[in-house]
Amino acid sequence: MVEWAGGEMAVDAQGMQRMASPEIIAQANPDVILVTDFGFDRLGSPVDEIKALPGVATSNAAKAGRIFRVEENQLMYFGPRSGENVEKVAAVIHQK
């Protein structure tokens, strides 16, 4: 979905669903971080808690305030609404 939305994965490992190492996140230094609603809400929602995670705090995304909550179904699943979901993801990652 990210690539279809005009984005580029900062960490691209086949079959990888989440990054387990703070070092991987820090080295990738993403410009945007998308957090599914499940993960975002699990942390209690405040972006400051996500920014404080090891490896995230030093990223371009954290410094620029570009950490976003995205519905998991918009980011992870393909179906009849995939085109609509790609547009939603594109709007998030390309906002200024």
PDB file of N, CA and C in Angstrom:
ATOM      1  N   MET A   1       0.825  -1.198   0.000  1.00  0.00           N
ATOM      2  CA  MET A   1       0.000   0.000   0.000  1.00  0.00           C
ATOM      3  C   MET A   1       0.866   1.257   0.000  1.00  0.00           C
ATOM      4  N   VAL A   2       1.931   1.226   0.774  1.00  0.00           N
ATOM      5  CA  VAL A   2       2.795   2.406   0.866  1.00  0.00           C
ATOM      6  C   VAL A   2       3.397   2.732  -0.498  1.00  0.00           C
ATOM      7  N   GLU A   3       3.889   1.716  -1.173  1.00  0.00           N
ATOM      8  CA  GLU A   3       4.492   1.962  -2.490  1.00  0.00           C
ATOM      9  C   GLU A   3       3.444   2.413  -3.495  1.00  0.00           C
ATOM     10  N   TRP A   4       2.268   1.818  -3.472  1.00  0.00           N
ATOM     11  CA  TRP A   4       1.192   2.249  -4.369  1.00  0.00           C
ATOM     12  C   TRP A   4       0.780   3.685  -4.074  1.00  0.00           C
ATOM     13  N   ALA A   5       0.952   4.111  -2.834  1.00  0.00           N
ATOM     14  CA  ALA A   5       0.588   5.468  -2.439  1.00  0.00           C
ATOM     15  C   ALA A   5       1.706   6.469  -2.740  1.00  0.00           C
ATOM     16  N   GLY A   6       2.768   6.005  -3.370  1.00  0.00           N
ATOM     17  CA  GLY A   6       3.864   6.899  -3.737  1.00  0.00           C
ATOM     18  C   GLY A   6       4.931   7.016  -2.675  1.00  0.00           C
ATOM     19  N   GLY A   7       4.916   6.137  -1.706  1.00  0.00           N
ATOM     20  CA  GLY A   7       5.925   6.146  -0.654  1.00  0.00           C
ATOM     21  C   GLY A   7       6.968   5.063  -0.895  1.00  0.00           C
ATOM     22  N   GLU A   8       7.958   5.065  -0.049  1.00  0.00           N
ATOM     23  CA  GLU A   8       9.026   4.072  -0.129  1.00  0.00           C
ATOM     24  C   GLU A   8       9.259   3.526   1.274  1.00  0.00           C
ATOM     25  N   MET A   9       9.328   2.229   1.374  1.00  0.00           N
ATOM     26  CA  MET A   9       9.540   1.606   2.679  1.00  0.00           C
ATOM     27  C   MET A   9      10.959   1.905   3.157  1.00  0.00           C
ATOM     28  N   ALA A  10      11.074   2.396   4.366  1.00  0.00           N
ATOM     29  CA  ALA A  10      12.396   2.678   4.939  1.00  0.00           C
ATOM     30  C   ALA A  10      13.125   1.383   5.259  1.00  0.00           C
ATOM     31  N   VAL A  11      12.379   0.386   5.671  1.00  0.00           N
ATOM     32  CA  VAL A  11      12.926  -0.945   5.935  1.00  0.00           C
ATOM     33  C   VAL A  11      12.087  -1.905   5.123  1.00  0.00           C
ATOM     34  N   ASP A  12      12.716  -2.634   4.237  1.00  0.00           N
ATOM     35  CA  ASP A  12      11.983  -3.536   3.365  1.00  0.00           C
ATOM     36  C   ASP A  12      12.583  -4.929   3.475  1.00  0.00           C
ATOM     37  N   ALA A  13      11.951  -5.749   4.281  1.00  0.00           N
ATOM     38  CA  ALA A  13      12.389  -7.132   4.432  1.00  0.00           C
ATOM     39  C   ALA A  13      11.197  -8.025   4.148  1.00  0.00           C
ATOM     40  N   GLN A  14      11.362  -8.937   3.224  1.00  0.00           N
ATOM     41  CA  GLN A  14      10.262  -9.794   2.817  1.00  0.00           C
ATOM     42  C   GLN A  14       9.698 -10.558   4.015  1.00  0.00           C
ATOM     43  N   GLY A  15       8.389 -10.499   4.167  1.00  0.00           N
ATOM     44  CA  GLY A  15       7.720 -11.198   5.242  1.00  0.00           C
ATOM     45  C   GLY A  15       7.777 -10.502   6.589  1.00  0.00           C
ATOM     46  N   MET A  16       8.470  -9.379   6.666  1.00  0.00           N
ATOM     47  CA  MET A  16       8.614  -8.686   7.948  1.00  0.00           C
ATOM     48  C   MET A  16       7.365  -7.858   8.224  1.00  0.00           C
ATOM     49  N   GLN A  17       6.760  -8.045   9.379  1.00  0.00           N
ATOM     50  CA  GLN A  17       5.567  -7.283   9.711  1.00  0.00           C
ATOM     51  C   GLN A  17       5.832  -6.195  10.728  1.00  0.00           C
ATOM     52  N   ARG A  18       6.913  -6.316  11.460  1.00  0.00           N
ATOM     53  CA  ARG A  18       7.258  -5.230  12.368  1.00  0.00           C
ATOM     54  C   ARG A  18       8.762  -5.243  12.601  1.00  0.00           C
ATOM     55  N   MET A  19       9.258  -4.086  12.938  1.00  0.00           N
ATOM     56  CA  MET A  19      10.687  -3.960  13.181  1.00  0.00           C
ATOM     57  C   MET A  19      10.970  -4.268  14.641  1.00  0.00           C
ATOM     58  N   ALA A  20      11.815  -5.240  14.883  1.00  0.00           N
ATOM     59  CA  ALA A  20      12.064  -5.687  16.244  1.00  0.00           C
ATOM     60  C   ALA A  20      13.220  -4.953  16.911  1.00  0.00           C
ATOM     61  N   SER A  21      14.022  -4.264  16.155  1.00  0.00           N
ATOM     62  CA  SER A  21      15.229  -3.679  16.709  1.00  0.00           C
ATOM     63  C   SER A  21      15.235  -2.158  16.587  1.00  0.00           C
ATOM     64  N   PRO A  22      15.490  -1.455  17.691  1.00  0.00           N
ATOM     65  CA  PRO A  22      15.604   0.005  17.625  1.00  0.00           C
ATOM     66  C   PRO A  22      16.719   0.450  16.680  1.00  0.00           C
ATOM     67  N   GLU A  23      17.756  -0.359  16.581  1.00  0.00           N
ATOM     68  CA  GLU A  23      18.873  -0.016  15.692  1.00  0.00           C
ATOM     69  C   GLU A  23      18.436   0.010  14.238  1.00  0.00           C
ATOM     70  N   ILE A  24      17.540  -0.920  13.862  1.00  0.00           N
ATOM     71  CA  ILE A  24      17.041  -0.961  12.481  1.00  0.00           C
ATOM     72  C   ILE A  24      16.269   0.316  12.174  1.00  0.00           C
ATOM     73  N   ILE A  25      15.442   0.748  13.111  1.00  0.00           N
ATOM     74  CA  ILE A  25      14.654   1.968  12.910  1.00  0.00           C
ATOM     75  C   ILE A  25      15.576   3.183  12.828  1.00  0.00           C
ATOM     76  N   ALA A  26      16.525   3.267  13.738  1.00  0.00           N
ATOM     77  CA  ALA A  26      17.450   4.402  13.754  1.00  0.00           C
ATOM     78  C   ALA A  26      18.265   4.460  12.468  1.00  0.00           C
ATOM     79  N   GLN A  27      18.739   3.322  12.004  1.00  0.00           N
ATOM     80  CA  GLN A  27      19.542   3.289  10.785  1.00  0.00           C
ATOM     81  C   GLN A  27      18.705   3.649   9.560  1.00  0.00           C
ATOM     82  N   ALA A  28      17.449   3.205   9.523  1.00  0.00           N
ATOM     83  CA  ALA A  28      16.577   3.510   8.387  1.00  0.00           C
ATOM     84  C   ALA A  28      16.211   4.991   8.346  1.00  0.00           C
ATOM     85  N   ASN A  29      16.107   5.623   9.513  1.00  0.00           N
ATOM     86  CA  ASN A  29      15.799   7.046   9.634  1.00  0.00           C
ATOM     87  C   ASN A  29      14.622   7.472   8.745  1.00  0.00           C
ATOM     88  N   PRO A  30      13.433   6.921   8.992  1.00  0.00           N
ATOM     89  CA  PRO A  30      12.287   7.229   8.138  1.00  0.00           C
ATOM     90  C   PRO A  30      11.839   8.676   8.241  1.00  0.00           C
ATOM     91  N   ASP A  31      11.312   9.189   7.141  1.00  0.00           N
ATOM     92  CA  ASP A  31      10.760  10.541   7.106  1.00  0.00           C
ATOM     93  C   ASP A  31       9.326  10.567   7.621  1.00  0.00           C
ATOM     94  N   VAL A  32       8.641   9.428   7.499  1.00  0.00           N
ATOM     95  CA  VAL A  32       7.262   9.275   7.953  1.00  0.00           C
ATOM     96  C   VAL A  32       7.160   7.923   8.645  1.00  0.00           C
ATOM     97  N   ILE A  33       6.432   7.874   9.737  1.00  0.00           N
ATOM     98  CA  ILE A  33       6.163   6.608  10.410  1.00  0.00           C
ATOM     99  C   ILE A  33       4.651   6.438  10.482  1.00  0.00           C
ATOM    100  N   LEU A  34       4.180   5.308   9.953  1.00  0.00           N
ATOM    101  CA  LEU A  34       2.766   4.971  10.012  1.00  0.00           C
ATOM    102  C   LEU A  34       2.598   3.899  11.081  1.00  0.00           C
ATOM    103  N   VAL A  35       1.722   4.139  12.015  1.00  0.00           N
ATOM    104  CA  VAL A  35       1.451   3.195  13.092  1.00  0.00           C
ATOM    105  C   VAL A  35      -0.002   2.765  12.959  1.00  0.00           C
ATOM    106  N   THR A  36      -0.239   1.456  12.920  1.00  0.00           N
ATOM    107  CA  THR A  36      -1.622   1.001  12.805  1.00  0.00           C
ATOM    108  C   THR A  36      -2.407   1.403  14.044  1.00  0.00           C
ATOM    109  N   ASP A  37      -3.710   1.486  13.879  1.00  0.00           N
ATOM    110  CA  ASP A  37      -4.580   1.869  14.990  1.00  0.00           C
ATOM    111  C   ASP A  37      -4.364   0.960  16.197  1.00  0.00           C
ATOM    112  N   PHE A  38      -4.143  -0.315  15.971  1.00  0.00           N
ATOM    113  CA  PHE A  38      -3.921  -1.260  17.067  1.00  0.00           C
ATOM    114  C   PHE A  38      -2.680  -0.870  17.873  1.00  0.00           C
ATOM    115  N   GLY A  39      -1.567  -0.653  17.201  1.00  0.00           N
ATOM    116  CA  GLY A  39      -0.326  -0.300  17.890  1.00  0.00           C
ATOM    117  C   GLY A  39      -0.391   1.082  18.513  1.00  0.00           C
ATOM    118  N   PHE A  40      -0.967   2.014  17.802  1.00  0.00           N
ATOM    119  CA  PHE A  40      -1.075   3.396  18.277  1.00  0.00           C
ATOM    120  C   PHE A  40      -1.916   3.451  19.544  1.00  0.00           C
ATOM    121  N   ASP A  41      -3.097   2.832  19.479  1.00  0.00           N
ATOM    122  CA  ASP A  41      -4.016   2.872  20.617  1.00  0.00           C
ATOM    123  C   ASP A  41      -3.474   2.067  21.798  1.00  0.00           C
ATOM    124  N   ARG A  42      -2.710   1.051  21.517  1.00  0.00           N
ATOM    125  CA  ARG A  42      -2.124   0.230  22.573  1.00  0.00           C
ATOM    126  C   ARG A  42      -1.140   1.036  23.424  1.00  0.00           C
ATOM    127  N   LEU A  43      -0.487   1.990  22.783  1.00  0.00           N
ATOM    128  CA  LEU A  43       0.457   2.843  23.510  1.00  0.00           C
ATOM    129  C   LEU A  43      -0.249   3.981  24.240  1.00  0.00           C
ATOM    130  N   GLY A  44      -1.543   4.041  24.126  1.00  0.00           N
ATOM    131  CA  GLY A  44      -2.280   5.096  24.810  1.00  0.00           C
ATOM    132  C   GLY A  44      -2.483   6.313  23.937  1.00  0.00           C
ATOM    133  N   SER A  45      -2.137   6.239  22.684  1.00  0.00           N
ATOM    134  CA  SER A  45      -2.379   7.239  21.653  1.00  0.00           C
ATOM    135  C   SER A  45      -1.428   8.424  21.545  1.00  0.00           C
ATOM    136  N   PRO A  46      -0.874   8.948  22.601  1.00  0.00           N
ATOM    137  CA  PRO A  46      -0.088  10.170  22.390  1.00  0.00           C
ATOM    138  C   PRO A  46       1.159   9.917  21.535  1.00  0.00           C
ATOM    139  N   VAL A  47       1.339  10.770  20.585  1.00  0.00           N
ATOM    140  CA  VAL A  47       2.494  10.669  19.694  1.00  0.00           C
ATOM    141  C   VAL A  47       3.798  10.777  20.482  1.00  0.00           C
ATOM    142  N   ASP A  48       3.790  11.512  21.581  1.00  0.00           N
ATOM    143  CA  ASP A  48       5.008  11.648  22.384  1.00  0.00           C
ATOM    144  C   ASP A  48       5.510  10.307  22.898  1.00  0.00           C
ATOM    145  N   GLU A  49       4.592   9.388  23.199  1.00  0.00           N
ATOM    146  CA  GLU A  49       5.013   8.059  23.654  1.00  0.00           C
ATOM    147  C   GLU A  49       5.670   7.275  22.522  1.00  0.00           C
ATOM    148  N   ILE A  50       5.179   7.456  21.306  1.00  0.00           N
ATOM    149  CA  ILE A  50       5.775   6.777  20.153  1.00  0.00           C
ATOM    150  C   ILE A  50       7.135   7.393  19.856  1.00  0.00           C
ATOM    151  N   LYS A  51       7.224   8.714  19.927  1.00  0.00           N
ATOM    152  CA  LYS A  51       8.506   9.387  19.706  1.00  0.00           C
ATOM    153  C   LYS A  51       9.565   8.928  20.708  1.00  0.00           C
ATOM    154  N   ALA A  52       9.145   8.565  21.889  1.00  0.00           N
ATOM    155  CA  ALA A  52      10.084   8.162  22.933  1.00  0.00           C
ATOM    156  C   ALA A  52      10.603   6.728  22.761  1.00  0.00           C
ATOM    157  N   LEU A  53      10.027   5.977  21.853  1.00  0.00           N
ATOM    158  CA  LEU A  53      10.477   4.603  21.647  1.00  0.00           C
ATOM    159  C   LEU A  53      11.916   4.591  21.141  1.00  0.00           C
ATOM    160  N   PRO A  54      12.709   3.636  21.600  1.00  0.00           N
ATOM    161  CA  PRO A  54      14.106   3.556  21.145  1.00  0.00           C
ATOM    162  C   PRO A  54      14.186   3.447  19.614  1.00  0.00           C
ATOM    163  N   GLY A  55      15.024   4.262  19.041  1.00  0.00           N
ATOM    164  CA  GLY A  55      15.206   4.281  17.594  1.00  0.00           C
ATOM    165  C   GLY A  55      14.305   5.261  16.879  1.00  0.00           C
ATOM    166  N   VAL A  56      13.180   5.595  17.470  1.00  0.00           N
ATOM    167  CA  VAL A  56      12.229   6.505  16.837  1.00  0.00           C
ATOM    168  C   VAL A  56      12.592   7.956  17.129  1.00  0.00           C
ATOM    169  N   ALA A  57      12.996   8.242  18.339  1.00  0.00           N
ATOM    170  CA  ALA A  57      13.245   9.623  18.777  1.00  0.00           C
ATOM    171  C   ALA A  57      14.221  10.376  17.888  1.00  0.00           C
ATOM    172  N   THR A  58      15.202   9.693  17.342  1.00  0.00           N
ATOM    173  CA  THR A  58      16.219  10.358  16.525  1.00  0.00           C
ATOM    174  C   THR A  58      15.857  10.400  15.040  1.00  0.00           C
ATOM    175  N   SER A  59      14.729   9.824  14.671  1.00  0.00           N
ATOM    176  CA  SER A  59      14.352   9.743  13.252  1.00  0.00           C
ATOM    177  C   SER A  59      13.871  11.089  12.713  1.00  0.00           C
ATOM    178  N   ASN A  60      13.984  11.245  11.405  1.00  0.00           N
ATOM    179  CA  ASN A  60      13.458  12.440  10.747  1.00  0.00           C
ATOM    180  C   ASN A  60      11.958  12.577  11.007  1.00  0.00           C
ATOM    181  N   ALA A  61      11.242  11.448  11.037  1.00  0.00           N
ATOM    182  CA  ALA A  61       9.795  11.469  11.258  1.00  0.00           C
ATOM    183  C   ALA A  61       9.456  12.068  12.617  1.00  0.00           C
ATOM    184  N   ALA A  62      10.177  11.662  13.649  1.00  0.00           N
ATOM    185  CA  ALA A  62       9.917  12.190  14.993  1.00  0.00           C
ATOM    186  C   ALA A  62      10.259  13.667  15.071  1.00  0.00           C
ATOM    187  N   LYS A  63      11.381  14.044  14.501  1.00  0.00           N
ATOM    188  CA  LYS A  63      11.809  15.450  14.542  1.00  0.00           C
ATOM    189  C   LYS A  63      10.828  16.367  13.819  1.00  0.00           C
ATOM    190  N   ALA A  64      10.239  15.866  12.724  1.00  0.00           N
ATOM    191  CA  ALA A  64       9.318  16.675  11.932  1.00  0.00           C
ATOM    192  C   ALA A  64       7.861  16.495  12.353  1.00  0.00           C
ATOM    193  N   GLY A  65       7.606  15.639  13.338  1.00  0.00           N
ATOM    194  CA  GLY A  65       6.238  15.406  13.776  1.00  0.00           C
ATOM    195  C   GLY A  65       5.401  14.670  12.745  1.00  0.00           C
ATOM    196  N   ARG A  66       6.032  13.751  12.024  1.00  0.00           N
ATOM    197  CA  ARG A  66       5.336  13.027  10.951  1.00  0.00           C
ATOM    198  C   ARG A  66       5.133  11.553  11.320  1.00  0.00           C
ATOM    199  N   ILE A  67       4.504  11.349  12.468  1.00  0.00           N
ATOM    200  CA  ILE A  67       4.111  10.024  12.933  1.00  0.00           C
ATOM    201  C   ILE A  67       2.592  10.012  12.926  1.00  0.00           C
ATOM    202  N   PHE A  68       2.014   9.051  12.187  1.00  0.00           N
ATOM    203  CA  PHE A  68       0.573   9.073  11.962  1.00  0.00           C
ATOM    204  C   PHE A  68      -0.096   7.752  12.322  1.00  0.00           C
ATOM    205  N   ARG A  69      -1.307   7.850  12.812  1.00  0.00           N
ATOM    206  CA  ARG A  69      -2.161   6.696  13.088  1.00  0.00           C
ATOM    207  C   ARG A  69      -2.927   6.376  11.813  1.00  0.00           C
ATOM    208  N   VAL A  70      -2.872   5.112  11.399  1.00  0.00           N
ATOM    209  CA  VAL A  70      -3.562   4.669  10.198  1.00  0.00           C
ATOM    210  C   VAL A  70      -4.346   3.410  10.550  1.00  0.00           C
ATOM    211  N   GLU A  71      -5.567   3.328  10.070  1.00  0.00           N
ATOM    212  CA  GLU A  71      -6.365   2.125  10.304  1.00  0.00           C
ATOM    213  C   GLU A  71      -5.656   0.923   9.680  1.00  0.00           C
ATOM    214  N   GLU A  72      -5.552  -0.145  10.437  1.00  0.00           N
ATOM    215  CA  GLU A  72      -4.854  -1.336   9.966  1.00  0.00           C
ATOM    216  C   GLU A  72      -5.425  -1.849   8.645  1.00  0.00           C
ATOM    217  N   ASN A  73      -6.741  -1.814   8.506  1.00  0.00           N
ATOM    218  CA  ASN A  73      -7.340  -2.323   7.265  1.00  0.00           C
ATOM    219  C   ASN A  73      -6.975  -1.470   6.055  1.00  0.00           C
ATOM    220  N   GLN A  74      -6.632  -0.210   6.255  1.00  0.00           N
ATOM    221  CA  GLN A  74      -6.219   0.649   5.144  1.00  0.00           C
ATOM    222  C   GLN A  74      -4.793   0.355   4.705  1.00  0.00           C
ATOM    223  N   LEU A  75      -4.006  -0.159   5.601  1.00  0.00           N
ATOM    224  CA  LEU A  75      -2.581  -0.342   5.342  1.00  0.00           C
ATOM    225  C   LEU A  75      -2.203  -1.783   5.004  1.00  0.00           C
ATOM    226  N   MET A  76      -2.921  -2.745   5.549  1.00  0.00           N
ATOM    227  CA  MET A  76      -2.462  -4.122   5.492  1.00  0.00           C
ATOM    228  C   MET A  76      -3.263  -5.066   4.596  1.00  0.00           C
ATOM    229  N   TYR A  77      -4.512  -4.770   4.325  1.00  0.00           N
ATOM    230  CA  TYR A  77      -5.374  -5.748   3.664  1.00  0.00           C
ATOM    231  C   TYR A  77      -5.823  -5.277   2.295  1.00  0.00           C
ATOM    232  N   PHE A  78      -5.936  -6.231   1.386  1.00  0.00           N
ATOM    233  CA  PHE A  78      -6.367  -5.933   0.027  1.00  0.00           C
ATOM    234  C   PHE A  78      -7.793  -6.437  -0.174  1.00  0.00           C
ATOM    235  N   GLY A  79      -8.598  -5.659  -0.865  1.00  0.00           N
ATOM    236  CA  GLY A  79      -9.982  -6.035  -1.118  1.00  0.00           C
ATOM    237  C   GLY A  79     -10.654  -4.984  -1.970  1.00  0.00           C
ATOM    238  N   PRO A  80     -11.970  -4.955  -1.951  1.00  0.00           N
ATOM    239  CA  PRO A  80     -12.716  -4.024  -2.801  1.00  0.00           C
ATOM    240  C   PRO A  80     -12.413  -2.549  -2.531  1.00  0.00           C
ATOM    241  N   ARG A  81     -11.941  -2.224  -1.339  1.00  0.00           N
ATOM    242  CA  ARG A  81     -11.652  -0.822  -0.999  1.00  0.00           C
ATOM    243  C   ARG A  81     -10.172  -0.471  -1.122  1.00  0.00           C
ATOM    244  N   SER A  82      -9.397  -1.336  -1.727  1.00  0.00           N
ATOM    245  CA  SER A  82      -7.945  -1.091  -1.810  1.00  0.00           C
ATOM    246  C   SER A  82      -7.619   0.229  -2.486  1.00  0.00           C
ATOM    247  N   GLY A  83      -8.291   0.551  -3.577  1.00  0.00           N
ATOM    248  CA  GLY A  83      -8.031   1.816  -4.264  1.00  0.00           C
ATOM    249  C   GLY A  83      -8.297   3.009  -3.371  1.00  0.00           C
ATOM    250  N   GLU A  84      -9.399   2.965  -2.663  1.00  0.00           N
ATOM    251  CA  GLU A  84      -9.755   4.023  -1.715  1.00  0.00           C
ATOM    252  C   GLU A  84      -8.725   4.102  -0.581  1.00  0.00           C
ATOM    253  N   ASN A  85      -8.270   2.942  -0.114  1.00  0.00           N
ATOM    254  CA  ASN A  85      -7.285   2.911   0.974  1.00  0.00           C
ATOM    255  C   ASN A  85      -5.935   3.454   0.529  1.00  0.00           C
ATOM    256  N   VAL A  86      -5.536   3.171  -0.701  1.00  0.00           N
ATOM    257  CA  VAL A  86      -4.287   3.720  -1.233  1.00  0.00           C
ATOM    258  C   VAL A  86      -4.366   5.241  -1.242  1.00  0.00           C
ATOM    259  N   GLU A  87      -5.499   5.781  -1.637  1.00  0.00           N
ATOM    260  CA  GLU A  87      -5.669   7.236  -1.637  1.00  0.00           C
ATOM    261  C   GLU A  87      -5.550   7.805  -0.221  1.00  0.00           C
ATOM    262  N   LYS A  88      -6.115   7.110   0.759  1.00  0.00           N
ATOM    263  CA  LYS A  88      -6.045   7.575   2.144  1.00  0.00           C
ATOM    264  C   LYS A  88      -4.609   7.547   2.663  1.00  0.00           C
ATOM    265  N   VAL A  89      -3.896   6.478   2.349  1.00  0.00           N
ATOM    266  CA  VAL A  89      -2.492   6.378   2.774  1.00  0.00           C
ATOM    267  C   VAL A  89      -1.667   7.456   2.079  1.00  0.00           C
ATOM    268  N   ALA A  90      -1.914   7.679   0.797  1.00  0.00           N
ATOM    269  CA  ALA A  90      -1.178   8.716   0.053  1.00  0.00           C
ATOM    270  C   ALA A  90      -1.430  10.092   0.667  1.00  0.00           C
ATOM    271  N   ALA A  91      -2.660  10.367   1.055  1.00  0.00           N
ATOM    272  CA  ALA A  91      -2.965  11.668   1.667  1.00  0.00           C
ATOM    273  C   ALA A  91      -2.198  11.859   2.972  1.00  0.00           C
ATOM    274  N   VAL A  92      -2.020  10.790   3.714  1.00  0.00           N
ATOM    275  CA  VAL A  92      -1.297  10.877   4.982  1.00  0.00           C
ATOM    276  C   VAL A  92       0.191  11.076   4.743  1.00  0.00           C
ATOM    277  N   ILE A  93       0.792  10.255   3.896  1.00  0.00           N
ATOM    278  CA  ILE A  93       2.255  10.318   3.756  1.00  0.00           C
ATOM    279  C   ILE A  93       2.739  11.523   2.966  1.00  0.00           C
ATOM    280  N   HIS A  94       1.852  12.120   2.173  1.00  0.00           N
ATOM    281  CA  HIS A  94       2.285  13.262   1.356  1.00  0.00           C
ATOM    282  C   HIS A  94       1.835  14.602   1.914  1.00  0.00           C
ATOM    283  N   GLN A  95       1.178  14.608   3.079  1.00  0.00           N
ATOM    284  CA  GLN A  95       0.770  15.894   3.650  1.00  0.00           C
ATOM    285  C   GLN A  95       1.983  16.671   4.138  1.00  0.00           C
ATOM    286  N   LYS A  96       1.889  17.936   4.074  1.00  0.00           N
ATOM    287  CA  LYS A  96       3.008  18.811   4.484  1.00  0.00           C
ATOM    288  C   LYS A  96       2.818  19.277   5.885  1.00  0.00           C
TER     289      LYS A  96
END
